[in-house]
Amino acid sequence: MTDLRPGRGERVGGLRELAASFVAPGPAGVAIRDRLRVSESDAAVLAEVGVFLGSLAAGDLAERSRQGLAHDAAGWAVRKRELTGKSSARWAGSITRASHDQWALARRGQAAHLTWLRGQIAAIEARLARPLGAKADKREGLARGYASRAEWHAKSRRLHALQDRLAVAEGDWAASRVRVVRGGKQLANTRHHLQAAGLSEQDWRARWQAARMFLAADGESGKRFGNETIRVTDTGQLSLKLPVELAHRANAPHGRYVLDATVRFQHRGQEWRDRITANRAVAYRLHHDVLRGRWYVTASWQRAATPVLPLQAALARGVVGVDMNDDHLAAWHLDGHGNPVGEPQRFFYDLSGSADHRDAQIRHALTRLLHHTQRCGATAIAIEDLDFATEKGREKHGRNKRFRRLLSRLPTARLKARLISMAAEQDIAVVAVDPAYTSRWGAQHWQKPLTTPTRQISRHDAASIAVGRRALGHPIRRRTAPPHPDRSDRGGHRTVQARPETRRREEPRPHLPGPPTGCAPPGGGAKAGNQGAQHRSGHPAEHESWHQDSLPLSL
């Protein structure tokens, strides 16, 4: 998914300028998965085809990496022509496109790594230039100094290490050299630590072989069922085109192999069936899970771009403000005027364990959030446009390891991507707001007023109100307190007052033209612009000489 964060403004008067809220665009693609209950013979054929095509993909990726920035359409055609003779024209097209996409992804990762290295080097150099124990000065743009001489020395050594790494990365970038490991760098390094990973060499090799298989084919509109290489019919029959060197494995005409297993997509099955019956493009990928001993098929396709709902239309029926934390989502429903309605809600999740477990926890929490939004009658969810990519480093938060771990645990990108895709199916808009000062101002203006003897409001609940009010376009501060009974300031200043430097603060209220009525609206009336006609200090009558009328002596 693309990043939702718009451009951030500069700091004005000590506070950062807030970015405008916007409705996040919906998902552009769909992916569904089903298990293939294959027989032993089918599994053997799939493994043989996947390993063979994987070897071709590895060689093509190496050739693409050697070409670097000199790659052009002619070079692409040469690579595809060489692969066609070993497999087929369709497999050659899928392999070359996958190699090109993988090289481009590695190139983008290389650019991001260069940016990170330069940022770390600049931060360390700024802190090394400061005296030991010096405090940060945000107004002057000065970083804080290191706490001790030992820390300063360790950071200076780290600076030289990062500079060496930067020199190597810049050399690779200039030479258009990327470093890609088919099968994954982590799994490749595990080969040297089998005992620590609890794996035998045979188990590791099975995982390595499965990770390097290539069984993926892009779809093509106008072809039968949207894909000629890996074809799935409307009845669930799956067949694939065999490479030339494995044509003897075919059990169907035209060098195809038909599996005994039947595909039944339960999730979005009707949408998938409508596409293949209309011969629209659908891409398929076959995957072998070695740990479970299962085969899976994944179907994916692109959706037509839908117009983004205007912000005012999305917020017409209120909004559910959401504050995201490392272990729960705090949500509160707000009406169109920014008033909290009902009780605060908290949807907990556990981010420990495997990646599949964490993903399931997030999906479960988001499902409950969407159900709560539907019960409230709202059609929009407001979330903070968070991105801690540059905010969780050691140079930003120093020795506060606990806070760094907390930022690292926040599932910002995964939660946003999941929420947008799931909310689109329920016709619920997702509004992204600037996260600046929501927790601080929410606790300052909403936590104490909403706390009762029977209801304890946390900072996260108050922050959800701040997020919702910012999405609605209202200030986070609550409304002005009513005046005192005697209209004096002996009880303290009002909630909202004009600053001494505010211009025109002493001028009268503007005169509203119109026909005379029995009661003038606030700020109106014939004497609205006459300071002398209002009861306040400085009235001209107070400066006149006082005298008493003479009384007749006969009274």
Protein backbone atom coordinates (compact mmCIF):
# COMPACT_ATOMS: atom_id res chain seq x y z
CA MET A 1 0.00 0.00 0.00
CA THR A 2 1.09 3.62 -0.63
CA ASP A 3 1.89 5.89 2.24
CA LEU A 4 -1.02 8.03 3.44
CA ARG A 5 1.13 10.82 4.88
CA PRO A 6 0.89 14.17 3.05
CA GLY A 7 3.60 16.79 3.10
CA ARG A 8 4.24 18.21 6.54
CA GLY A 9 4.46 21.95 7.22
CA GLU A 10 7.10 23.94 9.01
CA ARG A 11 7.06 24.89 12.66
CA VAL A 12 5.29 28.19 13.26
CA GLY A 13 5.61 29.90 16.63
CA GLY A 14 6.96 26.76 18.32
CA LEU A 15 4.10 24.53 17.06
CA ARG A 16 4.18 22.52 13.87
CA GLU A 17 1.72 23.56 11.19
CA LEU A 18 -1.02 20.95 10.89
CA ALA A 19 -1.65 19.16 7.63
CA ALA A 20 -5.18 18.96 6.27
CA SER A 21 -7.24 15.83 6.85
CA PHE A 22 -8.10 13.71 3.82
CA VAL A 23 -10.02 10.58 2.88
CA ALA A 24 -7.69 7.67 2.17
CA PRO A 25 -8.19 6.06 -1.25
CA GLY A 26 -9.50 2.53 -1.37
CA PRO A 27 -7.50 -0.59 -2.26
CA ALA A 28 -6.40 -1.03 -5.87
CA GLY A 29 -6.06 -4.82 -5.83
CA VAL A 30 -7.56 -8.01 -4.41
CA ALA A 31 -5.87 -11.27 -3.37
CA ILE A 32 -7.58 -14.46 -2.19
CA ARG A 33 -6.14 -17.84 -1.22
CA ASP A 34 -7.32 -21.43 -1.08
CA ARG A 35 -5.73 -24.69 -0.04
CA LEU A 36 -4.93 -27.31 -2.66
CA ARG A 37 -5.50 -30.84 -1.41
CA VAL A 38 -3.15 -32.40 -3.94
CA SER A 39 -2.21 -36.04 -4.25
CA GLU A 40 1.36 -37.31 -3.96
CA SER A 41 1.77 -37.50 -7.73
CA ASP A 42 0.47 -33.95 -8.17
CA ALA A 43 2.78 -32.67 -5.42
CA ALA A 44 5.77 -34.33 -7.12
CA VAL A 45 4.93 -32.71 -10.47
CA LEU A 46 4.40 -29.29 -8.92
CA ALA A 47 7.71 -29.52 -7.05
CA GLU A 48 9.57 -30.59 -10.19
CA VAL A 49 8.09 -27.76 -12.26
CA GLY A 50 8.67 -25.19 -9.50
CA VAL A 51 12.32 -26.14 -9.01
CA PHE A 52 13.02 -26.10 -12.75
CA LEU A 53 11.39 -22.72 -13.31
CA GLY A 54 13.09 -21.42 -10.14
CA SER A 55 16.50 -22.21 -11.61
CA LEU A 56 15.56 -20.31 -14.76
CA ALA A 57 14.34 -17.37 -12.65
CA ALA A 58 17.61 -17.31 -10.68
CA GLY A 59 19.69 -17.15 -13.86
CA ASP A 60 17.48 -14.45 -15.37
CA LEU A 61 17.67 -12.34 -12.20
CA ALA A 62 21.47 -12.57 -12.29
CA GLU A 63 21.48 -11.44 -15.91
CA ARG A 64 19.11 -8.57 -15.11
CA SER A 65 21.35 -7.47 -12.23
CA ARG A 66 24.42 -7.48 -14.48
CA GLN A 67 22.66 -5.18 -16.97
CA GLY A 68 21.86 -2.61 -14.28
CA LEU A 69 20.75 0.77 -15.59
CA ALA A 70 21.79 -0.23 -19.12
CA HIS A 71 18.71 -2.43 -19.36
CA ASP A 72 16.35 -1.60 -22.22
CA ALA A 73 13.56 -3.17 -24.25
CA ALA A 74 16.01 -4.89 -26.59
CA GLY A 75 17.81 -6.55 -23.70
CA TRP A 76 14.49 -7.63 -22.23
CA ALA A 77 13.53 -9.25 -25.55
CA VAL A 78 16.84 -11.14 -25.69
CA ARG A 79 16.35 -12.55 -22.19
CA LYS A 80 12.78 -13.58 -22.96
CA ARG A 81 13.80 -15.27 -26.22
CA GLU A 82 16.44 -17.33 -24.43
CA LEU A 83 13.97 -18.49 -21.78
CA THR A 84 11.28 -19.32 -24.34
CA GLY A 85 13.31 -22.15 -25.80
CA LYS A 86 13.72 -23.75 -22.35
CA SER A 87 10.18 -23.28 -21.04
CA SER A 88 7.49 -21.48 -23.08
CA ALA A 89 6.68 -17.95 -24.20
CA ARG A 90 4.22 -17.40 -21.34
CA TRP A 91 6.53 -18.71 -18.63
CA ALA A 92 9.37 -16.62 -20.10
CA GLY A 93 7.21 -13.50 -19.89
CA SER A 94 6.29 -14.18 -16.27
CA ILE A 95 9.91 -14.87 -15.27
CA THR A 96 11.35 -11.77 -16.93
CA ARG A 97 8.67 -9.51 -15.46
CA ALA A 98 9.27 -10.96 -11.99
CA SER A 99 13.05 -10.42 -12.35
CA HIS A 100 12.55 -6.82 -13.43
CA ASP A 101 10.18 -6.10 -10.52
CA GLN A 102 12.57 -7.73 -8.04
CA TRP A 103 15.50 -5.68 -9.29
CA ALA A 104 13.45 -2.47 -9.08
CA LEU A 105 12.38 -3.34 -5.52
CA ALA A 106 15.99 -3.93 -4.51
CA ARG A 107 16.95 -0.62 -6.07
CA ARG A 108 14.29 1.23 -4.07
CA GLY A 109 15.45 -0.52 -0.92
CA GLN A 110 19.01 0.54 -1.68
CA ALA A 111 17.91 4.17 -1.99
CA ALA A 112 16.04 3.97 1.31
CA HIS A 113 19.12 2.46 2.99
CA LEU A 114 21.28 5.33 1.70
CA THR A 115 18.83 7.86 3.09
CA TRP A 116 18.82 6.11 6.47
CA LEU A 117 22.64 6.00 6.63
CA ARG A 118 22.97 9.70 5.81
CA GLY A 119 20.36 10.59 8.42
CA GLN A 120 22.10 8.55 11.12
CA ILE A 121 25.48 10.06 10.28
CA ALA A 122 24.09 13.60 10.38
CA ALA A 123 22.39 12.98 13.74
CA ILE A 124 25.52 11.52 15.34
CA GLU A 125 27.73 14.31 14.01
CA ALA A 126 25.33 16.93 15.41
CA ARG A 127 25.36 15.31 18.85
CA LEU A 128 29.13 14.79 18.86
CA ALA A 129 29.62 18.50 18.21
CA ARG A 130 27.67 19.42 21.36
CA PRO A 131 29.23 19.49 24.86
CA LEU A 132 28.66 16.54 27.17
CA GLY A 133 25.29 16.75 28.91
CA ALA A 134 24.08 19.71 26.83
CA LYS A 135 20.32 19.96 26.48
CA ALA A 136 18.52 20.18 23.18
CA ASP A 137 17.25 23.53 21.93
CA LYS A 138 14.45 23.10 19.40
CA ARG A 139 14.20 26.79 18.65
CA GLU A 140 17.86 27.00 17.72
CA GLY A 141 17.84 23.58 16.08
CA LEU A 142 20.53 22.20 18.39
CA ALA A 143 20.68 18.53 19.34
CA ARG A 144 21.42 17.35 22.84
CA GLY A 145 24.86 16.20 23.78
CA TYR A 146 25.81 12.72 24.93
CA ALA A 147 25.54 11.94 28.61
CA SER A 148 29.07 10.69 29.26
CA ARG A 149 32.52 10.51 27.76
CA ALA A 150 32.18 6.74 27.28
CA GLU A 151 28.99 7.16 25.27
CA TRP A 152 30.62 9.92 23.21
CA HIS A 153 33.54 7.61 22.41
CA ALA A 154 31.25 4.71 21.46
CA LYS A 155 29.20 6.94 19.17
CA SER A 156 32.33 8.25 17.48
CA ARG A 157 33.30 4.67 16.67
CA ARG A 158 29.80 3.98 15.37
CA LEU A 159 30.09 7.09 13.19
CA HIS A 160 33.17 5.71 11.45
CA ALA A 161 31.44 2.34 10.93
CA LEU A 162 28.39 4.02 9.38
CA GLN A 163 30.61 6.12 7.13
CA ASP A 164 32.33 2.96 5.86
CA ARG A 165 28.96 1.36 5.18
CA LEU A 166 27.81 4.50 3.40
CA ALA A 167 30.88 4.45 1.15
CA VAL A 168 30.14 0.84 0.16
CA ALA A 169 26.45 1.57 -0.45
CA GLU A 170 27.25 4.65 -2.54
CA GLY A 171 29.66 2.58 -4.62
CA ASP A 172 26.96 -0.02 -5.26
CA TRP A 173 24.50 2.72 -6.16
CA ALA A 174 26.89 4.36 -8.61
CA ALA A 175 27.63 1.00 -10.24
CA SER A 176 23.87 0.12 -10.27
CA ARG A 177 24.74 -3.03 -8.31
CA VAL A 178 21.99 -4.56 -6.15
CA ARG A 179 22.18 -7.47 -3.72
CA VAL A 180 19.25 -9.88 -3.91
CA VAL A 181 18.91 -13.34 -2.38
CA ARG A 182 16.25 -15.53 -3.96
CA GLY A 183 14.69 -17.40 -1.07
CA GLY A 184 15.42 -14.70 1.50
CA LYS A 185 18.54 -13.46 3.24
CA GLN A 186 17.32 -14.62 6.65
CA LEU A 187 16.81 -18.20 5.48
CA ALA A 188 20.20 -18.17 3.75
CA ASN A 189 21.95 -17.09 6.96
CA THR A 190 20.09 -19.77 8.91
CA ARG A 191 22.13 -22.37 6.99
CA HIS A 192 25.14 -21.41 9.14
CA HIS A 193 23.20 -21.61 12.42
CA LEU A 194 21.12 -24.77 12.10
CA GLN A 195 21.58 -25.81 15.72
CA ALA A 196 20.41 -22.46 17.05
CA ALA A 197 17.39 -22.58 14.71
CA GLY A 198 16.55 -26.15 15.70
CA LEU A 199 16.72 -27.43 12.13
CA SER A 200 18.48 -30.29 10.46
CA GLU A 201 20.22 -29.82 7.15
CA GLN A 202 17.48 -31.78 5.39
CA ASP A 203 14.73 -29.61 6.90
CA TRP A 204 16.56 -26.42 5.96
CA ARG A 205 17.12 -27.60 2.42
CA ALA A 206 13.44 -28.40 2.01
CA ARG A 207 12.54 -24.85 3.09
CA TRP A 208 15.22 -23.39 0.85
CA GLN A 209 13.98 -25.34 -2.15
CA ALA A 210 10.35 -24.31 -1.53
CA ALA A 211 11.29 -20.63 -1.14
CA ARG A 212 13.19 -20.61 -4.45
CA MET A 213 10.44 -22.25 -6.51
CA PHE A 214 8.76 -20.24 -9.24
CA LEU A 215 5.10 -21.03 -9.90
CA ALA A 216 3.51 -17.68 -10.69
CA ALA A 217 1.83 -16.39 -13.84
CA ASP A 218 0.28 -13.04 -14.66
CA GLY A 219 -3.19 -12.96 -16.14
CA GLU A 220 -4.21 -11.76 -19.59
CA SER A 221 -7.61 -10.37 -20.49
CA GLY A 222 -9.31 -11.99 -23.47
CA LYS A 223 -7.79 -15.43 -22.83
CA ARG A 224 -9.76 -18.38 -21.52
CA PHE A 225 -10.59 -17.82 -17.85
CA GLY A 226 -8.14 -14.89 -17.76
CA ASN A 227 -4.92 -16.94 -17.67
CA GLU A 228 -3.43 -19.45 -20.11
CA THR A 229 -0.34 -20.41 -18.10
CA ILE A 230 -2.07 -21.36 -14.83
CA ARG A 231 -5.75 -21.86 -15.59
CA VAL A 232 -8.56 -22.29 -13.08
CA THR A 233 -12.00 -22.93 -14.56
CA ASP A 234 -15.34 -21.90 -13.11
CA THR A 235 -15.78 -25.48 -11.87
CA GLY A 236 -12.51 -25.28 -9.89
CA GLN A 237 -10.31 -27.37 -12.19
CA LEU A 238 -6.66 -26.24 -12.07
CA SER A 239 -4.19 -26.91 -14.85
CA LEU A 240 -0.83 -25.45 -15.82
CA LYS A 241 1.27 -25.27 -18.96
CA LEU A 242 4.38 -27.45 -18.59
CA PRO A 243 7.82 -26.27 -19.75
CA VAL A 244 9.25 -27.87 -22.87
CA GLU A 245 11.74 -30.02 -20.96
CA LEU A 246 8.96 -31.40 -18.72
CA ALA A 247 6.38 -31.99 -21.44
CA HIS A 248 6.54 -35.75 -20.80
CA ARG A 249 4.70 -35.10 -17.50
CA ALA A 250 1.59 -33.85 -19.30
CA ASN A 251 -1.71 -35.66 -18.74
CA ALA A 252 -3.83 -33.39 -20.97
CA PRO A 253 -3.56 -32.13 -24.56
CA HIS A 254 -1.26 -29.26 -25.59
CA GLY A 255 1.36 -30.05 -22.95
CA ARG A 256 -0.82 -29.27 -19.94
CA TYR A 257 -1.07 -30.97 -16.57
CA VAL A 258 -4.43 -31.11 -14.77
CA LEU A 259 -4.42 -31.52 -11.00
CA ASP A 260 -6.79 -33.78 -9.13
CA ALA A 261 -7.42 -31.09 -6.52
CA THR A 262 -10.37 -28.71 -6.90
CA VAL A 263 -10.13 -24.99 -6.16
CA ARG A 264 -12.95 -23.42 -4.13
CA PHE A 265 -12.42 -19.80 -3.16
CA GLN A 266 -14.70 -19.12 -0.21
CA HIS A 267 -13.73 -15.47 0.27
CA ARG A 268 -14.76 -13.27 -2.69
CA GLY A 269 -15.59 -16.40 -4.61
CA GLN A 270 -18.43 -14.82 -6.57
CA GLU A 271 -16.30 -11.82 -7.55
CA TRP A 272 -13.55 -14.15 -8.78
CA ARG A 273 -16.05 -16.28 -10.69
CA ASP A 274 -17.52 -13.23 -12.42
CA ARG A 275 -14.05 -12.24 -13.62
CA ILE A 276 -13.00 -15.58 -15.05
CA THR A 277 -16.34 -16.18 -16.79
CA ALA A 278 -15.85 -12.81 -18.50
CA ASN A 279 -12.26 -13.81 -19.44
CA ARG A 280 -10.74 -10.96 -17.44
CA ALA A 281 -7.14 -11.14 -16.23
CA VAL A 282 -6.43 -13.03 -13.00
CA ALA A 283 -2.89 -13.77 -11.75
CA TYR A 284 -2.16 -17.02 -9.87
CA ARG A 285 0.66 -18.16 -7.62
CA LEU A 286 1.24 -21.66 -6.21
CA HIS A 287 3.02 -21.91 -2.88
CA HIS A 288 4.29 -24.86 -0.83
CA ASP A 289 4.24 -24.58 2.97
CA VAL A 290 6.91 -27.04 4.11
CA LEU A 291 6.06 -26.77 7.82
CA ARG A 292 2.44 -27.82 7.29
CA GLY A 293 3.05 -29.95 4.22
CA ARG A 294 0.36 -28.09 2.27
CA TRP A 295 0.01 -26.44 -1.12
CA TYR A 296 -1.87 -23.18 -1.63
CA VAL A 297 -3.07 -21.21 -4.64
CA THR A 298 -3.40 -17.41 -4.52
CA ALA A 299 -5.48 -15.48 -7.05
CA SER A 300 -5.08 -11.73 -7.45
CA TRP A 301 -6.41 -9.04 -9.75
CA GLN A 302 -6.66 -5.28 -10.02
CA ARG A 303 -9.74 -3.24 -9.32
CA ALA A 304 -10.96 -0.23 -11.22
CA ALA A 305 -10.11 3.01 -9.47
CA THR A 306 -13.11 4.32 -7.56
CA PRO A 307 -13.58 8.05 -6.94
CA VAL A 308 -12.63 9.14 -3.45
CA LEU A 309 -15.59 10.26 -1.35
CA PRO A 310 -15.49 14.00 -0.49
CA LEU A 311 -14.48 14.72 3.08
CA GLN A 312 -17.71 16.52 4.01
CA ALA A 313 -19.85 13.72 2.62
CA ALA A 314 -17.87 11.10 4.54
CA LEU A 315 -18.33 13.01 7.82
CA ALA A 316 -22.01 13.86 7.35
CA ARG A 317 -23.15 11.27 9.93
CA GLY A 318 -20.34 11.73 12.42
CA VAL A 319 -17.10 9.86 12.83
CA VAL A 320 -15.46 7.27 15.06
CA GLY A 321 -12.12 8.62 16.27
CA VAL A 322 -9.45 5.97 16.83
CA ASP A 323 -6.23 6.27 18.83
CA MET A 324 -3.79 3.49 17.96
CA ASN A 325 -1.58 1.96 20.66
CA ASP A 326 0.79 -0.97 20.91
CA ASP A 327 -1.81 -3.26 22.54
CA HIS A 328 -5.28 -1.82 21.77
CA LEU A 329 -7.35 0.60 19.74
CA ALA A 330 -9.19 3.30 21.69
CA ALA A 331 -12.31 4.49 19.87
CA TRP A 332 -15.10 6.98 20.58
CA HIS A 333 -18.08 7.96 18.45
CA LEU A 334 -18.51 11.71 17.78
CA ASP A 335 -21.53 13.38 16.23
CA GLY A 336 -21.31 16.00 13.49
CA HIS A 337 -20.75 18.77 16.07
CA GLY A 338 -17.74 17.04 17.62
CA ASN A 339 -19.51 15.89 20.80
CA PRO A 340 -18.63 12.41 22.16
CA VAL A 341 -21.60 10.07 22.10
CA GLY A 342 -22.00 6.95 24.21
CA GLU A 343 -19.12 5.22 25.95
CA PRO A 344 -15.50 4.79 24.87
CA GLN A 345 -14.56 1.48 23.29
CA ARG A 346 -11.29 -0.43 23.45
CA PHE A 347 -10.33 -3.23 21.09
CA PHE A 348 -7.32 -5.17 22.34
CA TYR A 349 -4.82 -7.26 20.38
CA ASP A 350 -1.64 -9.19 21.19
CA LEU A 351 1.35 -8.56 18.91
CA SER A 352 3.55 -11.31 20.33
CA GLY A 353 4.19 -14.57 18.56
CA SER A 354 4.44 -15.36 14.87
CA ALA A 355 3.61 -13.04 11.98
CA ASP A 356 0.43 -14.98 11.19
CA HIS A 357 -0.72 -14.64 14.80
CA ARG A 358 -0.08 -10.89 14.80
CA ASP A 359 -1.92 -10.47 11.53
CA ALA A 360 -4.90 -12.42 12.84
CA GLN A 361 -5.00 -10.30 15.99
CA ILE A 362 -5.05 -7.09 13.97
CA ARG A 363 -7.79 -8.38 11.67
CA HIS A 364 -9.92 -9.40 14.65
CA ALA A 365 -9.55 -5.99 16.32
CA LEU A 366 -10.39 -4.16 13.09
CA THR A 367 -13.44 -6.35 12.54
CA ARG A 368 -14.81 -5.38 15.95
CA LEU A 369 -14.05 -1.71 15.21
CA LEU A 370 -15.98 -1.84 11.92
CA HIS A 371 -18.94 -3.55 13.60
CA HIS A 372 -18.96 -0.84 16.27
CA THR A 373 -18.92 1.86 13.58
CA GLN A 374 -21.90 0.30 11.85
CA ARG A 375 -23.86 0.09 15.10
CA CYS A 376 -23.17 3.78 15.75
CA GLY A 377 -24.51 4.73 12.33
CA ALA A 378 -21.30 6.51 11.31
CA THR A 379 -19.79 6.15 7.85
CA ALA A 380 -16.24 7.26 8.59
CA ILE A 381 -13.33 6.26 10.84
CA ALA A 382 -10.64 8.80 11.71
CA ILE A 383 -7.10 7.54 12.35
CA GLU A 384 -3.77 9.24 12.88
CA ASP A 385 -1.47 9.34 9.88
CA LEU A 386 1.44 7.87 11.85
CA ASP A 387 4.83 6.95 10.46
CA PHE A 388 7.65 6.16 12.89
CA ALA A 389 10.21 5.22 10.24
CA THR A 390 12.49 8.11 11.24
CA GLU A 391 11.32 8.53 14.83
CA LYS A 392 12.37 5.29 16.54
CA GLY A 393 16.13 5.39 16.13
CA ARG A 394 18.63 5.49 18.97
CA GLU A 395 19.70 9.03 18.11
CA LYS A 396 16.11 10.29 18.44
CA HIS A 397 15.22 8.82 21.84
CA GLY A 398 18.68 7.98 23.23
CA ARG A 399 18.73 5.48 26.08
CA ASN A 400 14.94 5.22 26.32
CA LYS A 401 14.86 1.63 25.06
CA ARG A 402 11.38 1.05 26.40
CA PHE A 403 9.93 3.87 24.33
CA ARG A 404 11.85 2.73 21.23
CA ARG A 405 10.44 -0.76 21.62
CA LEU A 406 6.95 0.70 22.02
CA LEU A 407 7.28 2.62 18.75
CA SER A 408 8.64 -0.44 16.99
CA ARG A 409 5.65 -2.52 18.13
CA LEU A 410 3.04 -0.12 16.75
CA PRO A 411 1.67 -1.79 13.58
CA THR A 412 1.21 1.49 11.69
CA ALA A 413 1.58 0.40 8.06
CA ARG A 414 -0.06 -3.02 8.47
CA LEU A 415 -2.99 -1.61 10.44
CA LYS A 416 -3.65 1.17 7.93
CA ALA A 417 -3.50 -1.20 4.97
CA ARG A 418 -5.79 -3.71 6.66
CA LEU A 419 -8.26 -1.06 7.82
CA ILE A 420 -8.55 0.57 4.39
CA SER A 421 -9.15 -2.73 2.61
CA MET A 422 -11.66 -4.00 5.17
CA ALA A 423 -13.50 -0.67 5.49
CA ALA A 424 -13.94 -0.42 1.73
CA GLU A 425 -16.02 -3.60 1.77
CA GLN A 426 -18.34 -2.08 4.39
CA ASP A 427 -18.67 1.30 2.59
CA ILE A 428 -16.91 3.05 5.46
CA ALA A 429 -14.47 5.86 4.67
CA VAL A 430 -11.11 6.16 6.42
CA VAL A 431 -10.03 9.73 7.22
CA ALA A 432 -6.35 10.32 7.95
CA VAL A 433 -5.53 13.26 10.22
CA ASP A 434 -2.33 14.92 11.37
CA PRO A 435 -1.18 13.20 14.60
CA ALA A 436 0.48 16.30 16.09
CA TYR A 437 -0.47 17.01 19.74
CA THR A 438 -3.58 14.78 19.74
CA SER A 439 -2.58 12.86 22.88
CA ARG A 440 -1.40 15.97 24.74
CA TRP A 441 -4.33 18.21 23.90
CA GLY A 442 -6.87 15.42 24.25
CA ALA A 443 -5.73 14.70 27.80
CA GLN A 444 -5.61 18.42 28.60
CA HIS A 445 -9.12 19.31 27.45
CA TRP A 446 -11.17 16.08 27.58
CA GLN A 447 -9.81 13.56 30.07
CA LYS A 448 -10.79 15.33 33.30
CA PRO A 449 -14.22 16.69 32.21
CA LEU A 450 -15.39 13.25 31.03
CA THR A 451 -14.11 11.33 34.06
CA THR A 452 -16.84 10.40 36.56
CA PRO A 453 -16.86 8.30 39.73
CA THR A 454 -18.18 5.37 37.68
CA ARG A 455 -16.14 5.95 34.49
CA GLN A 456 -12.40 6.40 34.27
CA ILE A 457 -11.19 8.03 31.06
CA SER A 458 -7.64 7.30 29.93
CA ARG A 459 -5.37 9.48 27.86
CA HIS A 460 -5.98 7.18 24.91
CA ASP A 461 -9.75 7.66 25.13
CA ALA A 462 -9.29 11.42 25.23
CA ALA A 463 -6.89 11.22 22.29
CA SER A 464 -9.55 9.42 20.23
CA ILE A 465 -11.84 12.43 20.76
CA ALA A 466 -9.06 14.75 19.63
CA VAL A 467 -8.54 12.66 16.48
CA GLY A 468 -12.26 12.69 15.70
CA ARG A 469 -12.63 16.44 16.24
CA ARG A 470 -9.65 17.16 14.02
CA ALA A 471 -11.18 15.03 11.27
CA LEU A 472 -14.47 16.97 11.60
CA GLY A 473 -12.61 20.27 11.33
CA HIS A 474 -13.33 21.36 14.91
CA PRO A 475 -10.65 22.59 17.32
CA ILE A 476 -9.65 20.10 19.98
CA ARG A 477 -10.27 22.66 22.74
CA ARG A 478 -13.71 22.49 24.32
CA ARG A 479 -16.22 25.35 24.00
CA THR A 480 -15.86 28.60 25.96
CA ALA A 481 -17.02 28.45 29.58
CA PRO A 482 -20.10 30.61 30.40
CA PRO A 483 -19.54 33.93 32.17
CA HIS A 484 -19.66 34.24 35.95
CA PRO A 485 -22.96 35.26 37.57
CA ASP A 486 -21.70 38.77 38.36
CA ARG A 487 -19.91 39.06 34.96
CA SER A 488 -16.57 39.81 36.62
CA ASP A 489 -13.22 38.09 36.38
CA ARG A 490 -12.68 37.46 40.07
CA GLY A 491 -12.99 33.73 39.41
CA GLY A 492 -10.07 33.76 37.00
CA HIS A 493 -9.66 34.23 33.29
CA ARG A 494 -12.16 32.82 30.83
CA THR A 495 -11.38 29.69 28.86
CA VAL A 496 -10.87 31.62 25.63
CA GLN A 497 -9.60 35.19 25.63
CA ALA A 498 -7.87 37.41 23.12
CA ARG A 499 -4.15 37.75 23.59
CA PRO A 500 -2.75 41.22 24.41
CA GLU A 501 -1.06 41.29 21.02
CA THR A 502 -4.27 40.45 19.13
CA ARG A 503 -5.26 43.35 16.92
CA ARG A 504 -8.75 44.94 17.09
CA ARG A 505 -9.51 43.17 20.37
CA GLU A 506 -10.85 46.42 21.92
CA GLU A 507 -13.08 47.39 19.01
CA PRO A 508 -16.88 47.24 19.30
CA ARG A 509 -18.96 44.48 17.88
CA PRO A 510 -19.89 45.03 14.24
CA HIS A 511 -23.26 46.58 13.45
CA LEU A 512 -25.55 44.18 11.61
CA PRO A 513 -27.75 46.10 9.16
CA GLY A 514 -31.41 45.23 8.82
CA PRO A 515 -34.92 46.29 9.77
CA PRO A 516 -35.52 47.20 13.42
CA THR A 517 -36.84 44.35 15.52
CA GLY A 518 -37.99 43.92 19.08
CA CYS A 519 -34.77 42.25 20.14
CA ALA A 520 -31.41 42.81 18.55
CA PRO A 521 -29.22 39.80 17.81
CA PRO A 522 -25.84 39.51 19.50
CA GLY A 523 -23.59 42.17 18.13
CA GLY A 524 -26.47 44.13 16.61
CA GLY A 525 -28.62 47.06 17.57
CA ALA A 526 -28.38 50.75 16.92
CA LYS A 527 -25.81 51.28 19.70
CA ALA A 528 -23.61 48.31 18.92
CA GLY A 529 -20.79 50.57 17.74
CA ASN A 530 -21.13 53.17 20.50
CA GLN A 531 -18.66 52.49 23.29
CA GLY A 532 -20.21 55.22 25.41
CA ALA A 533 -23.62 53.56 25.39
CA GLN A 534 -22.38 50.31 26.91
CA HIS A 535 -22.02 49.58 30.61
CA ARG A 536 -18.28 49.33 31.05
CA SER A 537 -15.47 51.27 32.59
CA GLY A 538 -14.55 54.36 30.68
CA HIS A 539 -18.11 55.46 29.95
CA PRO A 540 -18.16 59.19 29.12
CA ALA A 541 -20.84 59.80 31.79
CA GLU A 542 -18.43 58.65 34.49
CA HIS A 543 -16.13 61.57 33.73
CA GLU A 544 -18.83 64.29 33.98
CA SER A 545 -19.18 66.42 37.16
CA TRP A 546 -21.83 65.05 39.45
CA HIS A 547 -24.57 67.39 40.83
CA GLN A 548 -27.89 66.97 42.57
CA ASP A 549 -31.06 68.63 41.36
CA SER A 550 -32.52 71.28 43.70
CA LEU A 551 -35.58 70.22 45.64
CA PRO A 552 -38.44 72.51 46.58
CA LEU A 553 -38.33 73.50 50.25
CA SER A 554 -42.02 72.95 50.61
CA LEU A 555 -41.66 69.20 50.42
